[in-house]
Amino acid sequence: MRHFIIDTDTASDDAVALVMALQHPEVQVEAITVVAGNVPLGHGVQNALYTVERCSKSTPVYVGIDKPMLRPLETAQFCHGEDGMGDIGLPLSGRKPAEGHAVDVLIETIHKHAGRITLVTLGPLTNVATALLRDPSIATAVERCVIMGGIGFGYGNIIPAAEYNIWVDPSAAKIVFESGLPIQMVGWDVSHKHATFTSEQADALHSMSGLAAFCVDIQKALREFGISYLKQDGFDLPDPIAMAVALEPSVATVTKRLRVDIEAQSELTRGATVVDHLRVSGREPNADVVLEASRERFLETLYAAVRNAD
């Protein structure tokens, strides 16, 4: 059994990633820690709790930090819906999170399973950076840290130079990327290329089970945003393809050990992941950057989580 801890700003694609981890037969999700990002913190907590409930699991969900380190929170409700789950009328209130703070839980859980814990981050890195500032030793206690964030190649989804999770709290991202964590970065470019679902593909997924239908239905707002704003064929699922890499490493087909620096000052390029592909900086690589992925293996991992799961 593999041990995971998942840090998330739970909106519609995060929820699918949680389903994939919670349903995996060889993975024990020790804790879900929630950070503000896609939605305000309270929304994210309720969305995570609801998703755990839909999976008939009892994984504890912990409340984390409600805003970026040095900036006001700028949510992504414009693409995920006001409730973060597509605004389809789900009962997303009244559930109680576990006692304890997410930052404390990150530190405690990493040390408890030192050398055997996979940390998967699906949102801004505020909780993780704060934990590292409090206890830098957790960086070497993590076996693997899979980060959905940044851009390996290509362009951003919030500003031309940056992906949303890093853009929201670039100061936190800078701390994390310079911490010594064993980072595997799965950028938005990977999702845009390999994890976009047309209406026909979404319908095929929807038909697999009640849980699969949930995973598609909550993308209602994201689908509209993807088509009208990003000019995609449908919605893409960045957090699920990152989770697929965490669950099944062979999903990543091209990975390079590269230097990644975070732009935290400029407003023009705020949150940019500056990836030194040609190693012109002379700086030591600090991340395994996923540049290509197998859509077929990603879909196999997703389908395995939801097929016949009612």
Protein backbone atom coordinates (compact mmCIF):
# COMPACT_ATOMS: atom_id res chain seq x y z
CA MET A 1 0.00 0.00 0.00
CA ARG A 2 1.33 3.41 -1.00
CA HIS A 3 0.75 6.43 1.22
CA PHE A 4 -0.48 9.71 -0.29
CA ILE A 5 -1.26 13.14 1.10
CA ILE A 6 -3.13 15.47 -1.24
CA ASP A 7 -3.12 19.27 -0.97
CA THR A 8 -5.96 20.78 -2.98
CA ASP A 9 -8.05 23.88 -3.67
CA THR A 10 -10.98 21.63 -4.47
CA ALA A 11 -12.88 22.58 -7.58
CA SER A 12 -14.25 20.46 -10.41
CA ASP A 13 -11.02 19.01 -11.80
CA ASP A 14 -9.51 18.57 -8.31
CA ALA A 15 -12.54 16.49 -7.37
CA VAL A 16 -11.87 14.07 -10.24
CA ALA A 17 -8.25 13.76 -9.14
CA LEU A 18 -9.42 12.99 -5.60
CA VAL A 19 -11.74 10.31 -6.95
CA MET A 20 -8.83 8.71 -8.81
CA ALA A 21 -6.66 8.53 -5.69
CA LEU A 22 -9.45 7.50 -3.32
CA GLN A 23 -10.56 4.69 -5.64
CA HIS A 24 -7.08 3.32 -6.36
CA PRO A 25 -6.73 -0.13 -4.74
CA GLU A 26 -3.04 0.28 -3.90
CA VAL A 27 -3.16 3.79 -2.45
CA GLN A 28 -4.04 4.94 1.06
CA VAL A 29 -4.85 8.65 1.09
CA GLU A 30 -3.75 9.57 4.60
CA ALA A 31 -5.15 13.10 4.51
CA ILE A 32 -6.58 15.76 2.23
CA THR A 33 -5.41 19.27 3.09
CA VAL A 34 -7.25 22.21 1.60
CA VAL A 35 -5.91 25.60 0.54
CA ALA A 36 -7.65 28.64 -0.92
CA GLY A 37 -7.31 28.99 -4.66
CA ASN A 38 -9.89 27.98 -7.24
CA VAL A 39 -12.53 28.85 -4.65
CA PRO A 40 -12.49 30.42 -1.20
CA LEU A 41 -11.24 28.07 1.50
CA GLY A 42 -14.64 27.15 2.92
CA HIS A 43 -15.93 26.15 -0.50
CA GLY A 44 -12.86 24.02 -1.12
CA VAL A 45 -13.27 22.20 2.19
CA GLN A 46 -16.93 21.38 1.53
CA ASN A 47 -16.15 20.25 -2.01
CA ALA A 48 -13.46 17.89 -0.75
CA LEU A 49 -15.74 16.50 1.94
CA TYR A 50 -18.52 15.96 -0.57
CA THR A 51 -16.17 14.15 -2.95
CA VAL A 52 -14.90 11.86 -0.19
CA GLU A 53 -18.51 11.09 0.67
CA ARG A 54 -19.36 10.31 -2.96
CA CYS A 55 -16.52 7.78 -2.93
CA SER A 56 -17.88 6.20 0.28
CA LYS A 57 -14.57 6.85 2.02
CA SER A 58 -13.67 8.32 5.42
CA THR A 59 -10.44 10.12 4.51
CA PRO A 60 -9.97 13.14 6.81
CA VAL A 61 -10.14 16.61 5.27
CA TYR A 62 -8.27 19.45 6.98
CA VAL A 63 -8.68 23.22 6.73
CA GLY A 64 -5.60 25.11 5.61
CA ILE A 65 -4.63 28.68 4.73
CA ASP A 66 -7.24 31.05 3.34
CA LYS A 67 -5.12 33.37 1.18
CA PRO A 68 -1.75 33.58 -0.58
CA MET A 69 1.34 34.57 1.39
CA LEU A 70 1.73 38.13 0.15
CA ARG A 71 -1.29 38.80 -2.07
CA PRO A 72 -5.06 38.88 -1.89
CA LEU A 73 -6.78 35.74 -3.10
CA GLU A 74 -7.92 35.75 -6.73
CA THR A 75 -10.14 32.73 -7.28
CA ALA A 76 -10.96 30.83 -10.47
CA GLN A 77 -14.72 30.81 -9.93
CA PHE A 78 -15.04 32.43 -13.35
CA CYS A 79 -14.21 29.03 -14.87
CA HIS A 80 -15.26 26.46 -12.22
CA GLY A 81 -18.51 28.15 -11.14
CA GLU A 82 -19.33 30.01 -7.96
CA ASP A 83 -19.37 26.80 -5.92
CA GLY A 84 -16.35 25.41 -7.78
CA MET A 85 -18.28 22.31 -8.81
CA GLY A 86 -20.02 23.58 -11.91
CA ASP A 87 -23.00 25.24 -10.19
CA ILE A 88 -25.16 22.16 -10.81
CA GLY A 89 -27.00 22.32 -7.49
CA LEU A 90 -24.98 19.90 -5.37
CA PRO A 91 -25.55 20.01 -1.58
CA LEU A 92 -22.14 21.48 -0.71
CA SER A 93 -22.58 22.58 2.88
CA GLY A 94 -22.86 21.31 6.43
CA ARG A 95 -20.09 18.72 6.46
CA LYS A 96 -17.47 18.90 9.21
CA PRO A 97 -13.73 18.82 8.51
CA ALA A 98 -11.33 16.95 10.75
CA GLU A 99 -9.79 18.64 13.78
CA GLY A 100 -6.37 20.15 13.23
CA HIS A 101 -4.73 22.54 10.80
CA ALA A 102 -3.61 21.45 7.34
CA VAL A 103 -0.05 22.73 7.80
CA ASP A 104 0.41 20.74 11.02
CA VAL A 105 -1.08 17.68 9.34
CA LEU A 106 1.28 17.96 6.39
CA ILE A 107 4.29 18.01 8.70
CA GLU A 108 3.03 15.23 10.95
CA THR A 109 1.91 12.94 8.13
CA ILE A 110 5.13 13.35 6.15
CA HIS A 111 7.23 12.48 9.20
CA LYS A 112 4.96 9.57 10.13
CA HIS A 113 5.53 8.00 6.72
CA ALA A 114 9.02 9.39 6.09
CA GLY A 115 10.58 8.00 2.96
CA ARG A 116 7.30 6.37 1.93
CA ILE A 117 4.96 9.32 1.34
CA THR A 118 3.84 10.81 -1.96
CA LEU A 119 2.75 14.43 -1.74
CA VAL A 120 0.42 15.51 -4.54
CA THR A 121 -0.36 19.21 -4.87
CA LEU A 122 -3.36 20.31 -6.93
CA GLY A 123 -3.61 24.00 -6.00
CA PRO A 124 -1.58 26.99 -4.91
CA LEU A 125 1.40 25.96 -2.80
CA THR A 126 0.64 28.11 0.25
CA ASN A 127 0.07 25.24 2.69
CA VAL A 128 3.15 23.35 1.52
CA ALA A 129 5.43 26.40 1.57
CA THR A 130 4.28 27.29 5.08
CA ALA A 131 4.96 23.73 6.24
CA LEU A 132 8.46 23.90 4.71
CA LEU A 133 9.18 27.19 6.44
CA ARG A 134 8.10 25.68 9.74
CA ASP A 135 9.97 22.40 9.25
CA PRO A 136 12.43 22.32 6.32
CA SER A 137 13.30 18.69 7.08
CA ILE A 138 10.05 17.47 5.52
CA ALA A 139 11.61 18.11 2.09
CA THR A 140 13.90 15.11 2.47
CA ALA A 141 11.23 12.95 4.13
CA VAL A 142 8.96 13.01 1.07
CA GLU A 143 9.57 10.15 -1.36
CA ARG A 144 7.92 11.95 -4.28
CA CYS A 145 6.18 15.31 -4.75
CA VAL A 146 3.96 15.60 -7.82
CA ILE A 147 2.96 19.21 -8.49
CA MET A 148 0.18 20.15 -10.85
CA GLY A 149 1.35 23.61 -11.77
CA GLY A 150 3.37 25.71 -14.11
CA ILE A 151 4.19 25.25 -17.78
CA GLY A 152 6.88 22.98 -19.17
CA PHE A 153 6.38 24.19 -22.73
CA GLY A 154 3.94 26.68 -24.19
CA TYR A 155 1.62 29.29 -22.76
CA GLY A 156 -0.39 30.03 -19.66
CA ASN A 157 -4.07 29.72 -18.81
CA ILE A 158 -4.42 32.79 -16.58
CA ILE A 159 -1.87 35.15 -18.13
CA PRO A 160 0.27 34.40 -21.21
CA ALA A 161 3.30 33.46 -19.15
CA ALA A 162 1.81 31.53 -16.23
CA GLU A 163 -0.47 28.75 -15.07
CA TYR A 164 -3.08 29.55 -12.42
CA ASN A 165 -1.81 27.58 -9.41
CA ILE A 166 1.65 29.15 -9.53
CA TRP A 167 0.29 32.60 -10.46
CA VAL A 168 -2.03 32.74 -7.43
CA ASP A 169 0.83 32.45 -4.94
CA PRO A 170 4.20 32.75 -6.67
CA SER A 171 5.97 33.46 -3.37
CA ALA A 172 4.86 30.08 -2.04
CA ALA A 173 5.84 28.35 -5.28
CA LYS A 174 9.30 29.89 -5.10
CA ILE A 175 9.80 28.49 -1.60
CA VAL A 176 8.64 25.03 -2.65
CA PHE A 177 10.77 24.82 -5.80
CA GLU A 178 13.85 25.92 -3.86
CA SER A 179 13.21 23.60 -0.90
CA GLY A 180 14.87 20.40 -2.08
CA LEU A 181 11.59 18.49 -2.39
CA PRO A 182 11.78 15.68 -5.00
CA ILE A 183 9.49 17.53 -7.41
CA GLN A 184 7.86 16.15 -10.51
CA MET A 185 6.11 19.05 -12.25
CA VAL A 186 3.09 18.34 -14.44
CA GLY A 187 2.30 21.62 -16.16
CA TRP A 188 -0.90 22.86 -17.71
CA ASP A 189 0.63 22.29 -21.13
CA VAL A 190 0.46 18.54 -20.49
CA SER A 191 -3.25 18.76 -19.70
CA HIS A 192 -4.05 21.05 -22.62
CA LYS A 193 -2.42 18.57 -25.00
CA HIS A 194 -3.37 15.20 -23.51
CA ALA A 195 -6.36 15.62 -21.17
CA THR A 196 -8.98 17.61 -23.09
CA PHE A 197 -12.43 16.02 -23.50
CA THR A 198 -14.75 16.75 -26.40
CA SER A 199 -18.51 16.44 -25.87
CA GLU A 200 -18.44 12.93 -27.34
CA GLN A 201 -15.54 11.85 -25.13
CA ALA A 202 -17.24 13.36 -22.07
CA ASP A 203 -20.45 11.48 -22.90
CA ALA A 204 -18.52 8.21 -23.13
CA LEU A 205 -17.00 8.80 -19.70
CA HIS A 206 -20.37 9.89 -18.28
CA SER A 207 -21.99 6.59 -19.23
CA MET A 208 -19.56 4.40 -17.25
CA SER A 209 -21.07 4.75 -13.77
CA GLY A 210 -22.76 7.11 -11.36
CA LEU A 211 -19.37 8.24 -10.10
CA ALA A 212 -18.22 8.84 -13.67
CA ALA A 213 -21.34 10.91 -14.32
CA PHE A 214 -20.50 12.99 -11.23
CA CYS A 215 -16.99 13.59 -12.59
CA VAL A 216 -18.39 14.89 -15.87
CA ASP A 217 -21.41 16.79 -14.56
CA ILE A 218 -19.29 19.00 -12.28
CA GLN A 219 -17.33 20.21 -15.32
CA LYS A 220 -20.36 22.14 -16.62
CA ALA A 221 -18.87 25.60 -16.01
CA LEU A 222 -15.37 24.48 -16.97
CA ARG A 223 -16.66 23.09 -20.27
CA GLU A 224 -18.29 26.42 -21.12
CA PHE A 225 -15.09 28.26 -20.16
CA GLY A 226 -12.88 25.92 -22.17
CA ILE A 227 -14.94 26.29 -25.31
CA SER A 228 -15.68 30.01 -25.16
CA TYR A 229 -12.50 31.39 -23.58
CA LEU A 230 -9.64 28.96 -24.16
CA LYS A 231 -10.95 27.90 -27.59
CA GLN A 232 -10.61 24.22 -26.73
CA ASP A 233 -12.86 21.44 -28.00
CA GLY A 234 -14.23 20.98 -24.49
CA PHE A 235 -12.89 20.88 -20.93
CA ASP A 236 -9.45 19.75 -19.85
CA LEU A 237 -8.50 18.00 -16.62
CA PRO A 238 -5.10 19.19 -15.39
CA ASP A 239 -5.36 17.86 -11.84
CA PRO A 240 -6.48 14.39 -12.94
CA ILE A 241 -3.63 13.93 -15.40
CA ALA A 242 -1.19 15.03 -12.70
CA MET A 243 -2.80 12.55 -10.34
CA ALA A 244 -2.52 9.87 -13.01
CA VAL A 245 1.24 10.53 -13.16
CA ALA A 246 1.38 10.20 -9.37
CA LEU A 247 -0.59 6.95 -9.41
CA GLU A 248 0.95 5.39 -12.51
CA PRO A 249 4.37 6.91 -13.34
CA SER A 250 4.32 5.42 -16.84
CA VAL A 251 1.64 7.98 -17.78
CA ALA A 252 4.54 10.44 -18.11
CA THR A 253 6.33 9.48 -21.32
CA VAL A 254 8.91 12.28 -21.59
CA THR A 255 10.40 13.75 -18.40
CA LYS A 256 13.53 15.86 -18.14
CA ARG A 257 15.55 16.88 -15.09
CA LEU A 258 15.66 20.67 -15.39
CA ARG A 259 16.00 23.88 -13.43
CA VAL A 260 12.70 25.61 -12.69
CA ASP A 261 12.67 29.10 -11.20
CA ILE A 262 9.57 31.07 -10.24
CA GLU A 263 8.96 34.70 -11.19
CA ALA A 264 7.44 36.30 -8.10
CA GLN A 265 7.95 40.04 -8.75
CA SER A 266 6.92 41.06 -12.26
CA GLU A 267 3.23 41.66 -12.90
CA LEU A 268 3.74 40.94 -16.60
CA THR A 269 5.15 37.45 -15.97
CA ARG A 270 4.03 36.83 -12.39
CA GLY A 271 3.98 33.14 -11.58
CA ALA A 272 5.96 32.08 -14.64
CA THR A 273 7.82 28.80 -14.29
CA VAL A 274 11.12 29.66 -15.96
CA VAL A 275 12.28 26.27 -17.22
CA ASP A 276 15.93 26.14 -18.25
CA HIS A 277 15.65 23.66 -21.11
CA LEU A 278 19.10 24.44 -22.52
CA ARG A 279 20.76 24.71 -19.07
CA VAL A 280 22.08 28.16 -19.95
CA SER A 281 21.75 29.38 -16.35
CA GLY A 282 24.31 26.92 -15.04
CA ARG A 283 22.05 26.32 -12.04
CA GLU A 284 21.43 22.86 -10.65
CA PRO A 285 18.22 21.16 -11.83
CA ASN A 286 15.54 21.04 -9.15
CA ALA A 287 12.58 19.31 -10.80
CA ASP A 288 11.63 16.46 -13.08
CA VAL A 289 9.50 18.27 -15.66
CA VAL A 290 6.91 16.19 -17.49
CA LEU A 291 6.89 17.27 -21.13
CA GLU A 292 4.80 14.52 -22.73
CA ALA A 293 2.22 12.05 -21.46
CA SER A 294 0.25 9.10 -22.75
CA ARG A 295 -3.40 9.97 -23.15
CA GLU A 296 -4.20 6.26 -23.40
CA ARG A 297 -2.58 5.47 -20.04
CA PHE A 298 -4.18 8.53 -18.47
CA LEU A 299 -7.61 7.38 -19.62
CA GLU A 300 -6.94 3.84 -18.40
CA THR A 301 -6.15 5.23 -14.94
CA LEU A 302 -9.22 7.47 -14.91
CA TYR A 303 -11.54 4.78 -16.23
CA ALA A 304 -10.28 2.25 -13.69
CA ALA A 305 -11.27 4.62 -10.90
CA VAL A 306 -14.85 5.17 -12.05
CA ARG A 307 -15.89 2.12 -14.04
CA ASN A 308 -18.87 0.42 -12.43
CA ALA A 309 -18.38 2.49 -9.26
CA ASP A 310 -21.91 3.33 -8.12
